[in-house]
Amino acid sequence: MHIVKQLMAIPGVLAAGEYAYRGDRFSYQGALTDEFARMASILCRANTLSVNMQAEIFDSFAENCGCRPVQGWIVRGAEMTICAVGNYFSFIENRDELLNDVMTIMRAKIGDVQEDLLVNLYSRLGGDTREALY
């Protein structure tokens, strides 16, 4: 099941989608207008770039600090929270345990990036990384 559909099946998820790192494309499902979704994709791209820059700076001062590679980010507002992992985002209600449920799915599907990018990408395609790459 595509991650956006899987996220939208969770009660309390207001919207979920995917954005391009270039900032020119996005797709979404949920309670957003097209203009709001476009702005959300710009917000997600800008925050992702910022978080990656901050992690690189921190890593330059504290080598092997554990903050790289960046998995994603979360911003909590008064009524809703935005979560981004990889190039996927979700807008969720602020409710007990909902953030944990959403992040568990997002990290299982697209998070936990390994240092060895080839191993990570191959495992996402369903390959047995030990058999094929070692």
N, C-alpha and C. Protein backbone atom coordinates (compact mmCIF):
# COMPACT_ATOMS: atom_id res chain seq x y z
N MET A 1 0.85 -1.17 0.00
CA MET A 1 0.00 0.00 0.00
C MET A 1 0.90 1.24 0.00
N HIS A 2 0.57 2.21 -0.81
CA HIS A 2 1.35 3.44 -0.88
C HIS A 2 1.28 4.15 0.47
N ILE A 3 2.37 4.74 0.88
CA ILE A 3 2.45 5.34 2.22
C ILE A 3 1.40 6.43 2.45
N VAL A 4 1.09 7.22 1.44
CA VAL A 4 0.09 8.28 1.61
C VAL A 4 -1.28 7.68 1.93
N LYS A 5 -1.67 6.65 1.21
CA LYS A 5 -2.95 5.98 1.50
C LYS A 5 -2.93 5.35 2.88
N GLN A 6 -1.80 4.77 3.25
CA GLN A 6 -1.68 4.14 4.57
C GLN A 6 -1.80 5.19 5.68
N LEU A 7 -1.18 6.34 5.49
CA LEU A 7 -1.29 7.41 6.48
C LEU A 7 -2.71 7.96 6.56
N MET A 8 -3.35 8.13 5.41
CA MET A 8 -4.70 8.69 5.38
C MET A 8 -5.72 7.76 6.03
N ALA A 9 -5.40 6.50 6.16
CA ALA A 9 -6.31 5.54 6.80
C ALA A 9 -6.32 5.68 8.32
N ILE A 10 -5.39 6.44 8.88
CA ILE A 10 -5.29 6.61 10.33
C ILE A 10 -6.21 7.77 10.75
N PRO A 11 -7.13 7.52 11.67
CA PRO A 11 -7.99 8.61 12.16
C PRO A 11 -7.14 9.71 12.80
N GLY A 12 -7.38 10.95 12.40
CA GLY A 12 -6.63 12.07 12.93
C GLY A 12 -5.59 12.62 11.97
N VAL A 13 -5.30 11.88 10.90
CA VAL A 13 -4.40 12.40 9.88
C VAL A 13 -5.24 13.29 8.96
N LEU A 14 -4.90 14.55 8.90
CA LEU A 14 -5.67 15.52 8.13
C LEU A 14 -5.29 15.50 6.65
N ALA A 15 -4.01 15.29 6.37
CA ALA A 15 -3.53 15.25 5.00
C ALA A 15 -2.16 14.59 4.99
N ALA A 16 -1.81 14.02 3.85
CA ALA A 16 -0.50 13.42 3.67
C ALA A 16 -0.12 13.56 2.21
N GLY A 17 1.17 13.61 1.95
CA GLY A 17 1.58 13.77 0.57
C GLY A 17 3.06 13.60 0.38
N GLU A 18 3.46 13.89 -0.83
CA GLU A 18 4.86 13.75 -1.24
C GLU A 18 5.26 15.05 -1.92
N TYR A 19 6.49 15.48 -1.69
CA TYR A 19 6.98 16.69 -2.34
C TYR A 19 8.33 16.39 -2.98
N ALA A 20 8.66 17.14 -4.01
CA ALA A 20 9.94 16.98 -4.69
C ALA A 20 10.98 17.85 -4.01
N TYR A 21 12.18 17.33 -3.88
CA TYR A 21 13.26 18.11 -3.27
C TYR A 21 13.56 19.36 -4.09
N ARG A 22 13.26 19.33 -5.37
CA ARG A 22 13.48 20.52 -6.22
C ARG A 22 12.44 21.60 -5.92
N GLY A 23 11.32 21.22 -5.35
CA GLY A 23 10.30 22.18 -4.97
C GLY A 23 9.26 22.47 -6.03
N ASP A 24 9.30 21.77 -7.14
CA ASP A 24 8.38 22.11 -8.23
C ASP A 24 7.21 21.14 -8.39
N ARG A 25 7.22 20.03 -7.66
CA ARG A 25 6.13 19.06 -7.80
C ARG A 25 5.70 18.59 -6.42
N PHE A 26 4.41 18.22 -6.32
CA PHE A 26 3.89 17.67 -5.08
C PHE A 26 2.60 16.91 -5.41
N SER A 27 2.26 15.99 -4.54
CA SER A 27 0.98 15.30 -4.61
C SER A 27 0.50 15.12 -3.17
N TYR A 28 -0.81 15.02 -2.99
CA TYR A 28 -1.34 14.92 -1.64
C TYR A 28 -2.74 14.33 -1.67
N GLN A 29 -3.17 13.90 -0.50
CA GLN A 29 -4.55 13.51 -0.25
C GLN A 29 -4.96 14.16 1.06
N GLY A 30 -6.22 14.49 1.19
CA GLY A 30 -6.69 15.01 2.46
C GLY A 30 -7.30 16.39 2.36
N ALA A 31 -7.48 17.00 3.52
CA ALA A 31 -8.24 18.24 3.66
C ALA A 31 -7.36 19.47 3.44
N LEU A 32 -6.77 19.58 2.26
CA LEU A 32 -5.98 20.75 1.89
C LEU A 32 -6.50 21.29 0.57
N THR A 33 -6.43 22.60 0.41
CA THR A 33 -6.68 23.16 -0.92
C THR A 33 -5.41 22.98 -1.75
N ASP A 34 -5.53 23.11 -3.06
CA ASP A 34 -4.33 23.00 -3.91
C ASP A 34 -3.28 24.04 -3.54
N GLU A 35 -3.72 25.25 -3.25
CA GLU A 35 -2.77 26.32 -2.89
C GLU A 35 -2.11 26.02 -1.55
N PHE A 36 -2.88 25.54 -0.57
CA PHE A 36 -2.31 25.19 0.73
C PHE A 36 -1.32 24.03 0.57
N ALA A 37 -1.65 23.05 -0.26
CA ALA A 37 -0.74 21.92 -0.50
C ALA A 37 0.54 22.39 -1.17
N ARG A 38 0.43 23.35 -2.10
CA ARG A 38 1.62 23.89 -2.76
C ARG A 38 2.51 24.59 -1.73
N MET A 39 1.89 25.39 -0.86
CA MET A 39 2.65 26.08 0.18
C MET A 39 3.25 25.08 1.18
N ALA A 40 2.50 24.02 1.48
CA ALA A 40 3.01 22.99 2.39
C ALA A 40 4.23 22.31 1.80
N SER A 41 4.22 22.04 0.50
CA SER A 41 5.38 21.40 -0.12
C SER A 41 6.59 22.33 -0.10
N ILE A 42 6.38 23.63 -0.26
CA ILE A 42 7.47 24.60 -0.17
C ILE A 42 8.01 24.63 1.26
N LEU A 43 7.10 24.66 2.24
CA LEU A 43 7.49 24.64 3.65
C LEU A 43 8.31 23.40 3.97
N CYS A 44 7.85 22.24 3.50
CA CYS A 44 8.55 20.98 3.77
C CYS A 44 9.93 20.97 3.15
N ARG A 45 10.04 21.44 1.93
CA ARG A 45 11.35 21.49 1.26
C ARG A 45 12.29 22.43 2.00
N ALA A 46 11.80 23.62 2.37
CA ALA A 46 12.65 24.59 3.07
C ALA A 46 13.11 24.06 4.43
N ASN A 47 12.19 23.47 5.19
CA ASN A 47 12.56 22.91 6.49
C ASN A 47 13.53 21.75 6.35
N THR A 48 13.33 20.90 5.35
CA THR A 48 14.23 19.77 5.13
C THR A 48 15.64 20.27 4.81
N LEU A 49 15.74 21.26 3.94
CA LEU A 49 17.06 21.83 3.62
C LEU A 49 17.70 22.44 4.87
N SER A 50 16.91 23.14 5.66
CA SER A 50 17.42 23.77 6.88
C SER A 50 17.90 22.74 7.89
N VAL A 51 17.11 21.71 8.11
CA VAL A 51 17.49 20.67 9.07
C VAL A 51 18.76 19.95 8.61
N ASN A 52 18.86 19.68 7.32
CA ASN A 52 20.07 19.03 6.81
C ASN A 52 21.30 19.93 6.99
N MET A 53 21.15 21.23 6.74
CA MET A 53 22.25 22.16 6.93
C MET A 53 22.68 22.20 8.40
N GLN A 54 21.71 22.27 9.30
CA GLN A 54 22.02 22.30 10.72
C GLN A 54 22.73 21.03 11.16
N ALA A 55 22.29 19.88 10.65
CA ALA A 55 22.93 18.62 11.00
C ALA A 55 24.37 18.57 10.49
N GLU A 56 24.61 19.08 9.29
CA GLU A 56 25.96 19.11 8.74
C GLU A 56 26.87 20.02 9.56
N ILE A 57 26.36 21.17 9.97
CA ILE A 57 27.15 22.09 10.80
C ILE A 57 27.47 21.43 12.14
N PHE A 58 26.46 20.85 12.78
CA PHE A 58 26.67 20.20 14.07
C PHE A 58 27.66 19.05 13.93
N ASP A 59 27.54 18.28 12.86
CA ASP A 59 28.44 17.16 12.62
C ASP A 59 29.88 17.63 12.42
N SER A 60 30.07 18.81 11.85
CA SER A 60 31.43 19.32 11.65
C SER A 60 32.10 19.66 12.98
N PHE A 61 31.30 19.99 14.02
CA PHE A 61 31.86 20.29 15.34
C PHE A 61 31.92 19.06 16.24
N ALA A 62 30.99 18.16 16.07
CA ALA A 62 30.91 16.97 16.92
C ALA A 62 30.80 15.75 16.01
N GLU A 63 31.93 15.29 15.52
CA GLU A 63 31.94 14.18 14.57
C GLU A 63 31.26 12.95 15.16
N ASN A 64 30.53 12.23 14.33
CA ASN A 64 29.78 11.04 14.74
C ASN A 64 28.79 11.35 15.86
N CYS A 65 28.11 12.50 15.73
CA CYS A 65 27.17 12.93 16.76
C CYS A 65 25.85 12.15 16.72
N GLY A 66 25.61 11.43 15.63
CA GLY A 66 24.38 10.66 15.53
C GLY A 66 23.23 11.41 14.88
N CYS A 67 23.48 12.63 14.45
CA CYS A 67 22.39 13.41 13.84
C CYS A 67 22.40 13.31 12.32
N ARG A 68 23.30 12.54 11.77
CA ARG A 68 23.35 12.35 10.32
C ARG A 68 23.37 10.88 10.01
N PRO A 69 22.73 10.44 8.98
CA PRO A 69 21.91 11.22 8.06
C PRO A 69 20.59 11.62 8.70
N VAL A 70 20.07 12.76 8.28
CA VAL A 70 18.82 13.29 8.83
C VAL A 70 17.67 12.38 8.40
N GLN A 71 16.83 12.02 9.35
CA GLN A 71 15.68 11.17 9.07
C GLN A 71 14.46 11.98 8.68
N GLY A 72 14.30 13.14 9.25
CA GLY A 72 13.13 13.97 9.00
C GLY A 72 13.00 15.01 10.09
N TRP A 73 11.82 15.57 10.23
CA TRP A 73 11.60 16.60 11.23
C TRP A 73 10.12 16.65 11.59
N ILE A 74 9.83 17.29 12.74
CA ILE A 74 8.46 17.44 13.25
C ILE A 74 8.32 18.86 13.78
N VAL A 75 7.23 19.52 13.43
CA VAL A 75 6.90 20.83 13.99
C VAL A 75 5.50 20.73 14.58
N ARG A 76 5.38 21.04 15.86
CA ARG A 76 4.10 20.94 16.55
C ARG A 76 3.52 22.34 16.76
N GLY A 77 2.30 22.52 16.32
CA GLY A 77 1.59 23.78 16.53
C GLY A 77 0.54 23.61 17.61
N ALA A 78 -0.30 24.61 17.76
CA ALA A 78 -1.32 24.59 18.81
C ALA A 78 -2.38 23.52 18.56
N GLU A 79 -2.75 23.32 17.29
CA GLU A 79 -3.82 22.38 16.98
C GLU A 79 -3.40 21.22 16.10
N MET A 80 -2.31 21.39 15.35
CA MET A 80 -1.86 20.31 14.47
C MET A 80 -0.34 20.23 14.45
N THR A 81 0.14 19.10 13.96
CA THR A 81 1.57 18.84 13.86
C THR A 81 1.89 18.46 12.42
N ILE A 82 3.04 18.91 11.94
CA ILE A 82 3.52 18.52 10.62
C ILE A 82 4.72 17.61 10.81
N CYS A 83 4.68 16.46 10.14
CA CYS A 83 5.78 15.50 10.19
C CYS A 83 6.31 15.31 8.78
N ALA A 84 7.62 15.24 8.64
CA ALA A 84 8.21 14.95 7.34
C ALA A 84 9.32 13.94 7.53
N VAL A 85 9.30 12.90 6.71
CA VAL A 85 10.36 11.90 6.67
C VAL A 85 10.65 11.66 5.20
N GLY A 86 11.92 11.75 4.84
CA GLY A 86 12.25 11.66 3.43
C GLY A 86 11.57 12.79 2.71
N ASN A 87 10.88 12.49 1.63
CA ASN A 87 10.15 13.53 0.91
C ASN A 87 8.63 13.35 1.04
N TYR A 88 8.21 12.78 2.16
CA TYR A 88 6.78 12.62 2.47
C TYR A 88 6.43 13.48 3.68
N PHE A 89 5.20 13.98 3.71
CA PHE A 89 4.75 14.78 4.83
C PHE A 89 3.36 14.35 5.27
N SER A 90 3.03 14.69 6.50
CA SER A 90 1.67 14.48 6.99
C SER A 90 1.31 15.60 7.95
N PHE A 91 0.06 16.02 7.87
CA PHE A 91 -0.51 16.98 8.80
C PHE A 91 -1.44 16.17 9.69
N ILE A 92 -1.23 16.25 11.00
CA ILE A 92 -2.02 15.43 11.92
C ILE A 92 -2.58 16.29 13.04
N GLU A 93 -3.69 15.82 13.62
CA GLU A 93 -4.26 16.46 14.80
C GLU A 93 -3.34 16.19 15.99
N ASN A 94 -3.33 17.10 16.94
CA ASN A 94 -2.58 16.87 18.18
C ASN A 94 -3.43 16.02 19.12
N ARG A 95 -3.22 14.72 19.07
CA ARG A 95 -3.93 13.77 19.93
C ARG A 95 -2.93 12.78 20.51
N ASP A 96 -3.26 12.26 21.68
CA ASP A 96 -2.38 11.28 22.31
C ASP A 96 -2.11 10.11 21.38
N GLU A 97 -0.87 9.73 21.29
CA GLU A 97 -0.40 8.56 20.55
C GLU A 97 -0.47 8.67 19.03
N LEU A 98 -1.14 9.66 18.48
CA LEU A 98 -1.24 9.77 17.02
C LEU A 98 0.12 10.03 16.39
N LEU A 99 0.90 10.91 16.99
CA LEU A 99 2.23 11.19 16.46
C LEU A 99 3.09 9.93 16.43
N ASN A 100 3.04 9.14 17.49
CA ASN A 100 3.80 7.89 17.52
C ASN A 100 3.36 6.94 16.42
N ASP A 101 2.06 6.82 16.21
CA ASP A 101 1.54 5.92 15.17
C ASP A 101 1.99 6.37 13.78
N VAL A 102 1.88 7.67 13.52
CA VAL A 102 2.25 8.20 12.21
C VAL A 102 3.75 8.04 11.97
N MET A 103 4.55 8.41 12.96
CA MET A 103 6.01 8.32 12.79
C MET A 103 6.48 6.87 12.68
N THR A 104 5.82 5.96 13.34
CA THR A 104 6.18 4.54 13.21
C THR A 104 6.01 4.10 11.77
N ILE A 105 4.91 4.46 11.16
CA ILE A 105 4.67 4.08 9.76
C ILE A 105 5.65 4.79 8.84
N MET A 106 5.82 6.09 9.03
CA MET A 106 6.72 6.83 8.14
C MET A 106 8.16 6.32 8.23
N ARG A 107 8.63 6.07 9.42
CA ARG A 107 10.01 5.60 9.57
C ARG A 107 10.16 4.18 9.06
N ALA A 108 9.14 3.35 9.22
CA ALA A 108 9.22 1.97 8.71
C ALA A 108 9.26 1.94 7.19
N LYS A 109 8.54 2.87 6.57
CA LYS A 109 8.46 2.88 5.11
C LYS A 109 9.60 3.64 4.46
N ILE A 110 9.99 4.76 5.04
CA ILE A 110 10.96 5.61 4.34
C ILE A 110 12.05 6.17 5.22
N GLY A 111 12.01 5.93 6.50
CA GLY A 111 13.03 6.47 7.40
C GLY A 111 14.16 5.50 7.62
N ASP A 112 14.88 5.72 8.71
CA ASP A 112 16.02 4.89 9.09
C ASP A 112 17.01 4.71 7.95
N VAL A 113 17.42 5.82 7.36
CA VAL A 113 18.38 5.79 6.26
C VAL A 113 19.72 5.32 6.79
N GLN A 114 20.28 4.35 6.16
CA GLN A 114 21.58 3.84 6.56
C GLN A 114 22.68 4.69 5.95
N GLU A 115 23.85 4.64 6.54
CA GLU A 115 24.98 5.38 5.99
C GLU A 115 25.30 4.90 4.58
N ASP A 116 25.15 3.59 4.34
CA ASP A 116 25.43 3.04 3.01
C ASP A 116 24.17 3.21 2.17
N LEU A 117 24.14 4.23 1.34
CA LEU A 117 22.95 4.57 0.57
C LEU A 117 22.52 3.44 -0.35
N LEU A 118 23.48 2.73 -0.96
CA LEU A 118 23.13 1.65 -1.87
C LEU A 118 22.38 0.53 -1.14
N VAL A 119 22.84 0.18 0.04
CA VAL A 119 22.15 -0.83 0.84
C VAL A 119 20.74 -0.36 1.17
N ASN A 120 20.61 0.90 1.57
CA ASN A 120 19.31 1.46 1.92
C ASN A 120 18.35 1.43 0.73
N LEU A 121 18.80 1.89 -0.43
CA LEU A 121 17.93 1.92 -1.60
C LEU A 121 17.54 0.51 -2.04
N TYR A 122 18.47 -0.41 -2.02
CA TYR A 122 18.17 -1.77 -2.43
C TYR A 122 17.15 -2.42 -1.49
N SER A 123 17.29 -2.16 -0.19
CA SER A 123 16.34 -2.74 0.76
C SER A 123 14.95 -2.16 0.57
N ARG A 124 14.84 -0.90 0.14
CA ARG A 124 13.54 -0.29 -0.12
C ARG A 124 12.86 -0.94 -1.33
N LEU A 125 13.65 -1.49 -2.23
CA LEU A 125 13.08 -2.17 -3.39
C LEU A 125 12.69 -3.61 -3.06
N GLY A 126 12.95 -4.02 -1.85
CA GLY A 126 12.56 -5.36 -1.42
C GLY A 126 13.66 -6.39 -1.57
N GLY A 127 14.86 -5.94 -1.82
CA GLY A 127 15.97 -6.87 -1.99
C GLY A 127 16.56 -7.32 -0.68
N ASP A 128 17.18 -8.49 -0.70
CA ASP A 128 17.90 -9.01 0.45
C ASP A 128 19.31 -8.44 0.36
N THR A 129 19.60 -7.44 1.18
CA THR A 129 20.87 -6.74 1.05
C THR A 129 22.06 -7.61 1.37
N ARG A 130 21.93 -8.56 2.25
CA ARG A 130 23.08 -9.42 2.59
C ARG A 130 23.43 -10.31 1.41
N GLU A 131 22.42 -10.84 0.78
CA GLU A 131 22.64 -11.76 -0.34
C GLU A 131 23.16 -11.03 -1.57
N ALA A 132 22.59 -9.88 -1.89
CA ALA A 132 22.89 -9.22 -3.16
C ALA A 132 24.10 -8.30 -3.11
N LEU A 133 24.38 -7.67 -1.97
CA LEU A 133 25.42 -6.66 -1.95
C LEU A 133 26.69 -7.06 -1.20
N TYR A 134 26.66 -8.13 -0.42
CA TYR A 134 27.85 -8.48 0.34
C TYR A 134 28.52 -9.70 -0.19
